[in-house]
PDB file of N, CA and C in Angstrom:
ATOM      1  N   MET A   1    -113.939 136.504 -95.887  1.00  0.00           N
ATOM      2  CA  MET A   1    -112.496 136.190 -95.563  1.00  0.00           C
ATOM      3  C   MET A   1    -111.918 136.185 -96.664  1.00  0.00           C
ATOM      4  N   THR A   2    -110.645 137.117 -97.007  1.00  0.00           N
ATOM      5  CA  THR A   2    -109.877 136.958 -97.653  1.00  0.00           C
ATOM      6  C   THR A   2    -108.404 135.985 -97.389  1.00  0.00           C
ATOM      7  N   TYR A   3    -108.171 135.834 -98.373  1.00  0.00           N
ATOM      8  CA  TYR A   3    -106.813 134.786 -98.280  1.00  0.00           C
ATOM      9  C   TYR A   3    -105.501 135.851 -98.862  1.00  0.00           C
ATOM     10  N   THR A   4    -104.766 135.925 -98.566  1.00  0.00           N
ATOM     11  CA  THR A   4    -103.047 136.160 -99.803  1.00  0.00           C
ATOM     12  C   THR A   4    -102.525 135.005 -99.407  1.00  0.00           C
ATOM     13  N   ILE A   5    -102.164 134.532-100.800  1.00  0.00           N
ATOM     14  CA  ILE A   5    -101.245 133.694-101.262  1.00  0.00           C
ATOM     15  C   ILE A   5     -99.882 134.205-102.232  1.00  0.00           C
ATOM     16  N   ALA A   6     -98.834 133.576-100.843  1.00  0.00           N
ATOM     17  CA  ALA A   6     -97.577 134.139-101.432  1.00  0.00           C
ATOM     18  C   ALA A   6     -97.238 133.554-102.699  1.00  0.00           C
ATOM     19  N   SER A   7     -96.663 134.551-103.699  1.00  0.00           N
ATOM     20  CA  SER A   7     -96.725 134.491-105.153  1.00  0.00           C
ATOM     21  C   SER A   7     -94.895 133.974-105.118  1.00  0.00           C
ATOM     22  N   GLU A   8     -94.209 133.778-103.829  1.00  0.00           N
ATOM     23  CA  GLU A   8     -92.971 132.968-104.116  1.00  0.00           C
ATOM     24  C   GLU A   8     -93.091 131.654-103.828  1.00  0.00           C
ATOM     25  N   THR A   9     -92.565 130.837-104.384  1.00  0.00           N
ATOM     26  CA  THR A   9     -92.364 129.327-104.302  1.00  0.00           C
ATOM     27  C   THR A   9     -90.961 128.499-103.976  1.00  0.00           C
ATOM     28  N   ILE A  10     -91.123 127.603-103.501  1.00  0.00           N
ATOM     29  CA  ILE A  10     -89.521 126.937-102.691  1.00  0.00           C
ATOM     30  C   ILE A  10     -89.319 125.843-103.671  1.00  0.00           C
ATOM     31  N   LYS A  11     -88.075 125.783-103.448  1.00  0.00           N
ATOM     32  CA  LYS A  11     -87.021 125.034-104.443  1.00  0.00           C
ATOM     33  C   LYS A  11     -86.797 123.477-103.532  1.00  0.00           C
ATOM     34  N   THR A  12     -86.801 122.258-103.529  1.00  0.00           N
ATOM     35  CA  THR A  12     -86.781 121.489-102.743  1.00  0.00           C
ATOM     36  C   THR A  12     -85.216 120.609-103.810  1.00  0.00           C
ATOM     37  N   ILE A  13     -84.476 120.712-102.836  1.00  0.00           N
ATOM     38  CA  ILE A  13     -83.017 119.573-103.045  1.00  0.00           C
ATOM     39  C   ILE A  13     -83.174 118.995-102.231  1.00  0.00           C
ATOM     40  N   ARG A  14     -82.752 117.816-103.023  1.00  0.00           N
ATOM     41  CA  ARG A  14     -82.534 116.507-102.259  1.00  0.00           C
ATOM     42  C   ARG A  14     -81.462 115.917-102.358  1.00  0.00           C
ATOM     43  N   LYS A  15     -80.792 115.050-101.534  1.00  0.00           N
ATOM     44  CA  LYS A  15     -79.327 114.229-101.686  1.00  0.00           C
ATOM     45  C   LYS A  15     -79.312 113.775-102.632  1.00  0.00           C
ATOM     46  N   GLY A  16     -78.567 114.094-103.623  1.00  0.00           N
ATOM     47  CA  GLY A  16     -77.898 113.164-104.624  1.00  0.00           C
ATOM     48  C   GLY A  16     -78.189 114.117-105.753  1.00  0.00           C
ATOM     49  N   GLU A  17     -78.888 115.148-105.876  1.00  0.00           N
ATOM     50  CA  GLU A  17     -79.214 116.220-107.134  1.00  0.00           C
ATOM     51  C   GLU A  17     -78.134 116.977-107.397  1.00  0.00           C
ATOM     52  N   ALA A  18     -77.771 117.196-108.631  1.00  0.00           N
ATOM     53  CA  ALA A  18     -76.555 118.183-108.403  1.00  0.00           C
ATOM     54  C   ALA A  18     -76.438 119.417-107.918  1.00  0.00           C
ATOM     55  N   ASP A  19     -77.539 120.181-107.518  1.00  0.00           N
ATOM     56  CA  ASP A  19     -77.156 121.359-106.681  1.00  0.00           C
ATOM     57  C   ASP A  19     -77.379 121.135-105.198  1.00  0.00           C
ATOM     58  N   PHE A  20     -77.509 119.641-104.838  1.00  0.00           N
ATOM     59  CA  PHE A  20     -77.287 119.638-103.391  1.00  0.00           C
ATOM     60  C   PHE A  20     -76.398 120.211-102.763  1.00  0.00           C
ATOM     61  N   HIS A  21     -75.177 120.111-103.555  1.00  0.00           N
ATOM     62  CA  HIS A  21     -73.831 120.458-102.689  1.00  0.00           C
ATOM     63  C   HIS A  21     -73.363 121.922-103.444  1.00  0.00           C
ATOM     64  N   ILE A  22     -72.766 122.811-102.431  1.00  0.00           N
ATOM     65  CA  ILE A  22     -72.210 124.148-102.515  1.00  0.00           C
ATOM     66  C   ILE A  22     -70.846 124.545-103.013  1.00  0.00           C
ATOM     67  N   HIS A  23     -70.605 124.255-104.065  1.00  0.00           N
ATOM     68  CA  HIS A  23     -69.326 124.697-104.723  1.00  0.00           C
ATOM     69  C   HIS A  23     -68.544 126.110-104.576  1.00  0.00           C
ATOM     70  N   THR A  24     -67.636 126.181-104.193  1.00  0.00           N
ATOM     71  CA  THR A  24     -66.757 127.445-104.229  1.00  0.00           C
ATOM     72  C   THR A  24     -65.500 127.422-104.251  1.00  0.00           C
ATOM     73  N   GLY A  25     -65.131 127.198-105.531  1.00  0.00           N
ATOM     74  CA  GLY A  25     -63.771 127.347-106.031  1.00  0.00           C
ATOM     75  C   GLY A  25     -62.901 125.673-105.395  1.00  0.00           C
ATOM     76  N   PHE A  26     -62.848 125.687-104.737  1.00  0.00           N
ATOM     77  CA  PHE A  26     -61.688 124.793-103.864  1.00  0.00           C
ATOM     78  C   PHE A  26     -62.618 124.032-102.953  1.00  0.00           C
ATOM     79  N   LEU A  27     -63.697 124.369-102.318  1.00  0.00           N
ATOM     80  CA  LEU A  27     -64.257 123.651-101.471  1.00  0.00           C
ATOM     81  C   LEU A  27     -65.614 123.254-101.718  1.00  0.00           C
ATOM     82  N   MET A  28     -66.402 122.299-101.181  1.00  0.00           N
ATOM     83  CA  MET A  28     -67.739 121.662-101.317  1.00  0.00           C
ATOM     84  C   MET A  28     -68.423 121.202-100.175  1.00  0.00           C
ATOM     85  N   ALA A  29     -69.644 121.469 -99.914  1.00  0.00           N
ATOM     86  CA  ALA A  29     -70.233 121.409 -98.859  1.00  0.00           C
ATOM     87  C   ALA A  29     -71.789 121.323 -99.321  1.00  0.00           C
ATOM     88  N   PRO A  30     -72.532 119.913 -98.334  1.00  0.00           N
ATOM     89  CA  PRO A  30     -73.632 119.873 -98.863  1.00  0.00           C
ATOM     90  C   PRO A  30     -74.541 121.022 -97.634  1.00  0.00           C
ATOM     91  N   ARG A  31     -75.822 121.454 -98.818  1.00  0.00           N
ATOM     92  CA  ARG A  31     -76.684 122.452 -98.517  1.00  0.00           C
ATOM     93  C   ARG A  31     -77.265 121.880 -97.093  1.00  0.00           C
ATOM     94  N   ALA A  32     -77.533 120.944 -96.874  1.00  0.00           N
ATOM     95  CA  ALA A  32     -78.901 120.472 -95.505  1.00  0.00           C
ATOM     96  C   ALA A  32     -77.979 119.300 -94.934  1.00  0.00           C
ATOM     97  N   GLY A  33     -77.576 118.954 -93.930  1.00  0.00           N
ATOM     98  CA  GLY A  33     -77.499 117.836 -92.809  1.00  0.00           C
ATOM     99  C   GLY A  33     -78.047 118.075 -91.436  1.00  0.00           C
ATOM    100  N   PHE A  34     -77.071 117.206 -90.726  1.00  0.00           N
ATOM    101  CA  PHE A  34     -77.995 116.885 -89.511  1.00  0.00           C
ATOM    102  C   PHE A  34     -76.758 117.236 -88.443  1.00  0.00           C
ATOM    103  N   GLU A  35     -77.548 117.664 -87.417  1.00  0.00           N
ATOM    104  CA  GLU A  35     -76.833 118.312 -86.412  1.00  0.00           C
ATOM    105  C   GLU A  35     -77.235 117.308 -85.147  1.00  0.00           C
ATOM    106  N   ILE A  36     -76.937 116.754 -84.469  1.00  0.00           N
ATOM    107  CA  ILE A  36     -77.302 116.079 -83.339  1.00  0.00           C
ATOM    108  C   ILE A  36     -76.368 116.149 -81.949  1.00  0.00           C
ATOM    109  N   SER A  37     -77.087 116.771 -80.839  1.00  0.00           N
ATOM    110  CA  SER A  37     -76.911 117.753 -79.630  1.00  0.00           C
ATOM    111  C   SER A  37     -75.704 116.611 -78.797  1.00  0.00           C
ATOM    112  N   ASN A  38     -74.710 117.038 -78.313  1.00  0.00           N
ATOM    113  CA  ASN A  38     -74.063 116.445 -77.412  1.00  0.00           C
ATOM    114  C   ASN A  38     -75.254 115.777 -76.503  1.00  0.00           C
ATOM    115  N   ARG A  39     -75.854 116.780 -76.050  1.00  0.00           N
ATOM    116  CA  ARG A  39     -77.232 115.898 -74.897  1.00  0.00           C
ATOM    117  C   ARG A  39     -78.000 114.829 -75.562  1.00  0.00           C
ATOM    118  N   CYS A  40     -77.693 114.224 -76.380  1.00  0.00           N
ATOM    119  CA  CYS A  40     -78.673 113.762 -76.982  1.00  0.00           C
ATOM    120  C   CYS A  40     -78.209 112.051 -76.459  1.00  0.00           C
ATOM    121  N   PRO A  41     -79.292 111.200 -75.854  1.00  0.00           N
ATOM    122  CA  PRO A  41     -78.601 109.895 -75.418  1.00  0.00           C
ATOM    123  C   PRO A  41     -78.161 108.837 -76.234  1.00  0.00           C
ATOM    124  N   SER A  42     -76.790 108.629 -75.639  1.00  0.00           N
ATOM    125  CA  SER A  42     -76.044 107.808 -77.182  1.00  0.00           C
ATOM    126  C   SER A  42     -77.390 106.601 -77.497  1.00  0.00           C
ATOM    127  N   GLN A  43     -77.888 105.956 -76.899  1.00  0.00           N
ATOM    128  CA  GLN A  43     -79.022 105.381 -77.806  1.00  0.00           C
ATOM    129  C   GLN A  43     -79.555 105.357 -78.763  1.00  0.00           C
ATOM    130  N   TYR A  44     -80.219 106.790 -78.879  1.00  0.00           N
ATOM    131  CA  TYR A  44     -80.753 107.707 -79.730  1.00  0.00           C
ATOM    132  C   TYR A  44     -79.486 107.956 -80.660  1.00  0.00           C
ATOM    133  N   LYS A  45     -78.881 108.278 -80.605  1.00  0.00           N
ATOM    134  CA  LYS A  45     -77.819 108.632 -81.678  1.00  0.00           C
ATOM    135  C   LYS A  45     -77.265 107.488 -82.579  1.00  0.00           C
ATOM    136  N   LEU A  46     -77.128 106.774 -81.798  1.00  0.00           N
ATOM    137  CA  LEU A  46     -77.254 105.093 -82.690  1.00  0.00           C
ATOM    138  C   LEU A  46     -78.389 104.821 -83.307  1.00  0.00           C
ATOM    139  N   MET A  47     -79.538 105.137 -82.785  1.00  0.00           N
ATOM    140  CA  MET A  47     -80.691 104.870 -83.629  1.00  0.00           C
ATOM    141  C   MET A  47     -80.715 105.977 -85.091  1.00  0.00           C
ATOM    142  N   LEU A  48     -80.530 107.177 -84.712  1.00  0.00           N
ATOM    143  CA  LEU A  48     -80.397 108.325 -85.800  1.00  0.00           C
ATOM    144  C   LEU A  48     -79.448 107.499 -87.117  1.00  0.00           C
ATOM    145  N   VAL A  49     -78.506 107.484 -86.638  1.00  0.00           N
ATOM    146  CA  VAL A  49     -77.457 106.985 -87.363  1.00  0.00           C
ATOM    147  C   VAL A  49     -77.894 106.016 -88.300  1.00  0.00           C
ATOM    148  N   GLU A  50     -78.163 104.504 -87.289  1.00  0.00           N
ATOM    149  CA  GLU A  50     -78.371 103.735 -88.290  1.00  0.00           C
ATOM    150  C   GLU A  50     -79.794 103.928 -89.318  1.00  0.00           C
ATOM    151  N   ALA A  51     -80.701 104.577 -88.685  1.00  0.00           N
ATOM    152  CA  ALA A  51     -81.579 105.877 -89.919  1.00  0.00           C
ATOM    153  C   ALA A  51     -80.881 106.172 -91.173  1.00  0.00           C
ATOM    154  N   ILE A  52     -80.296 107.039 -90.535  1.00  0.00           N
ATOM    155  CA  ILE A  52     -79.541 107.812 -92.077  1.00  0.00           C
ATOM    156  C   ILE A  52     -78.700 107.453 -92.799  1.00  0.00           C
ATOM    157  N   ARG A  53     -78.116 106.147 -92.261  1.00  0.00           N
ATOM    158  CA  ARG A  53     -77.215 104.979 -93.102  1.00  0.00           C
ATOM    159  C   ARG A  53     -78.055 104.349 -93.844  1.00  0.00           C
ATOM    160  N   ASN A  54     -79.234 103.951 -93.467  1.00  0.00           N
ATOM    161  CA  ASN A  54     -80.140 103.128 -94.567  1.00  0.00           C
ATOM    162  C   ASN A  54     -80.976 104.102 -95.119  1.00  0.00           C
ATOM    163  N   GLY A  55     -81.344 105.323 -94.986  1.00  0.00           N
ATOM    164  CA  GLY A  55     -81.844 105.787 -95.917  1.00  0.00           C
ATOM    165  C   GLY A  55     -83.113 106.392 -95.441  1.00  0.00           C
ATOM    166  N   TRP A  56     -83.597 106.034 -94.377  1.00  0.00           N
ATOM    167  CA  TRP A  56     -85.070 105.970 -94.074  1.00  0.00           C
ATOM    168  C   TRP A  56     -84.960 107.740 -93.077  1.00  0.00           C
ATOM    169  N   ILE A  57     -84.122 108.359 -93.352  1.00  0.00           N
ATOM    170  CA  ILE A  57     -84.091 109.491 -92.749  1.00  0.00           C
ATOM    171  C   ILE A  57     -82.599 110.376 -94.225  1.00  0.00           C
ATOM    172  N   GLU A  58     -83.302 111.411 -94.798  1.00  0.00           N
ATOM    173  CA  GLU A  58     -82.187 111.850 -95.513  1.00  0.00           C
ATOM    174  C   GLU A  58     -82.686 113.507 -95.368  1.00  0.00           C
ATOM    175  N   PRO A  59     -81.327 113.646 -95.640  1.00  0.00           N
ATOM    176  CA  PRO A  59     -81.421 115.659 -95.872  1.00  0.00           C
ATOM    177  C   PRO A  59     -81.855 116.027 -96.953  1.00  0.00           C
ATOM    178  N   VAL A  60     -82.694 117.273 -96.460  1.00  0.00           N
ATOM    179  CA  VAL A  60     -83.216 118.029 -97.852  1.00  0.00           C
ATOM    180  C   VAL A  60     -83.326 119.406 -97.560  1.00  0.00           C
ATOM    181  N   ALA A  61     -82.952 119.814 -98.773  1.00  0.00           N
ATOM    182  CA  ALA A  61     -82.443 121.567 -98.411  1.00  0.00           C
ATOM    183  C   ALA A  61     -83.742 122.065 -98.661  1.00  0.00           C
ATOM    184  N   TYR A  62     -84.222 123.305 -98.446  1.00  0.00           N
ATOM    185  CA  TYR A  62     -84.796 124.540 -99.140  1.00  0.00           C
ATOM    186  C   TYR A  62     -84.761 125.854 -99.726  1.00  0.00           C
ATOM    187  N   MET A  63     -85.156 126.225-100.934  1.00  0.00           N
ATOM    188  CA  MET A  63     -84.764 127.221-101.665  1.00  0.00           C
ATOM    189  C   MET A  63     -85.788 128.269-101.879  1.00  0.00           C
ATOM    190  N   LYS A  64     -85.630 129.384-101.324  1.00  0.00           N
ATOM    191  CA  LYS A  64     -86.709 130.096-102.363  1.00  0.00           C
ATOM    192  C   LYS A  64     -86.360 130.566-104.027  1.00  0.00           C
ATOM    193  N   ASP A  65     -87.037 129.985-104.671  1.00  0.00           N
ATOM    194  CA  ASP A  65     -87.290 129.967-106.373  1.00  0.00           C
ATOM    195  C   ASP A  65     -86.465 131.031-106.544  1.00  0.00           C
ATOM    196  N   SER A  66     -86.588 132.555-106.042  1.00  0.00           N
ATOM    197  CA  SER A  66     -85.546 133.641-106.453  1.00  0.00           C
ATOM    198  C   SER A  66     -84.589 133.508-106.098  1.00  0.00           C
ATOM    199  N   GLU A  67     -84.269 132.818-104.864  1.00  0.00           N
ATOM    200  CA  GLU A  67     -82.488 132.557-104.201  1.00  0.00           C
ATOM    201  C   GLU A  67     -81.923 131.595-105.666  1.00  0.00           C
ATOM    202  N   TYR A  68     -82.686 130.642-105.488  1.00  0.00           N
ATOM    203  CA  TYR A  68     -82.388 129.454-106.548  1.00  0.00           C
ATOM    204  C   TYR A  68     -82.002 129.939-107.833  1.00  0.00           C
ATOM    205  N   MET A  69     -82.562 131.292-108.555  1.00  0.00           N
ATOM    206  CA  MET A  69     -82.548 131.543-109.940  1.00  0.00           C
ATOM    207  C   MET A  69     -81.393 132.384-109.944  1.00  0.00           C
ATOM    208  N   TRP A  70     -81.003 133.283-108.559  1.00  0.00           N
ATOM    209  CA  TRP A  70     -79.676 133.898-108.855  1.00  0.00           C
ATOM    210  C   TRP A  70     -78.876 133.386-108.127  1.00  0.00           C
ATOM    211  N   GLU A  71     -78.297 132.399-107.740  1.00  0.00           N
ATOM    212  CA  GLU A  71     -77.309 131.579-107.640  1.00  0.00           C
ATOM    213  C   GLU A  71     -77.250 130.727-108.817  1.00  0.00           C
ATOM    214  N   LYS A  72     -77.996 130.151-109.482  1.00  0.00           N
ATOM    215  CA  LYS A  72     -77.881 129.426-111.030  1.00  0.00           C
ATOM    216  C   LYS A  72     -77.421 130.643-112.111  1.00  0.00           C
ATOM    217  N   LEU A  73     -77.963 131.824-112.239  1.00  0.00           N
ATOM    218  CA  LEU A  73     -77.208 133.057-113.146  1.00  0.00           C
ATOM    219  C   LEU A  73     -75.751 132.968-112.913  1.00  0.00           C
ATOM    220  N   LYS A  74     -75.610 132.998-111.380  1.00  0.00           N
ATOM    221  CA  LYS A  74     -73.948 133.406-111.290  1.00  0.00           C
ATOM    222  C   LYS A  74     -72.833 132.083-111.799  1.00  0.00           C
ATOM    223  N   ASP A  75     -73.536 131.525-112.010  1.00  0.00           N
ATOM    224  CA  ASP A  75     -72.927 130.131-112.581  1.00  0.00           C
ATOM    225  C   ASP A  75     -72.823 130.538-114.196  1.00  0.00           C
TER     226      ASP A  75
END
């Protein structure tokens, strides 16, 4: 049996790290976030909001190392 392993690796960027936010001159935006559907029952939304506020659930962004390298080269 033959296995092919991708040579590409993934960069993990966590909230609080320098590269978590995208800076474009006047604008700044986080790379990752949460989107809760309007159809989500309110009691679940409240639980999710509490978990996010308490740090039990945190946003994490993933980028290919090659993309991250090109982005850093632009700086």
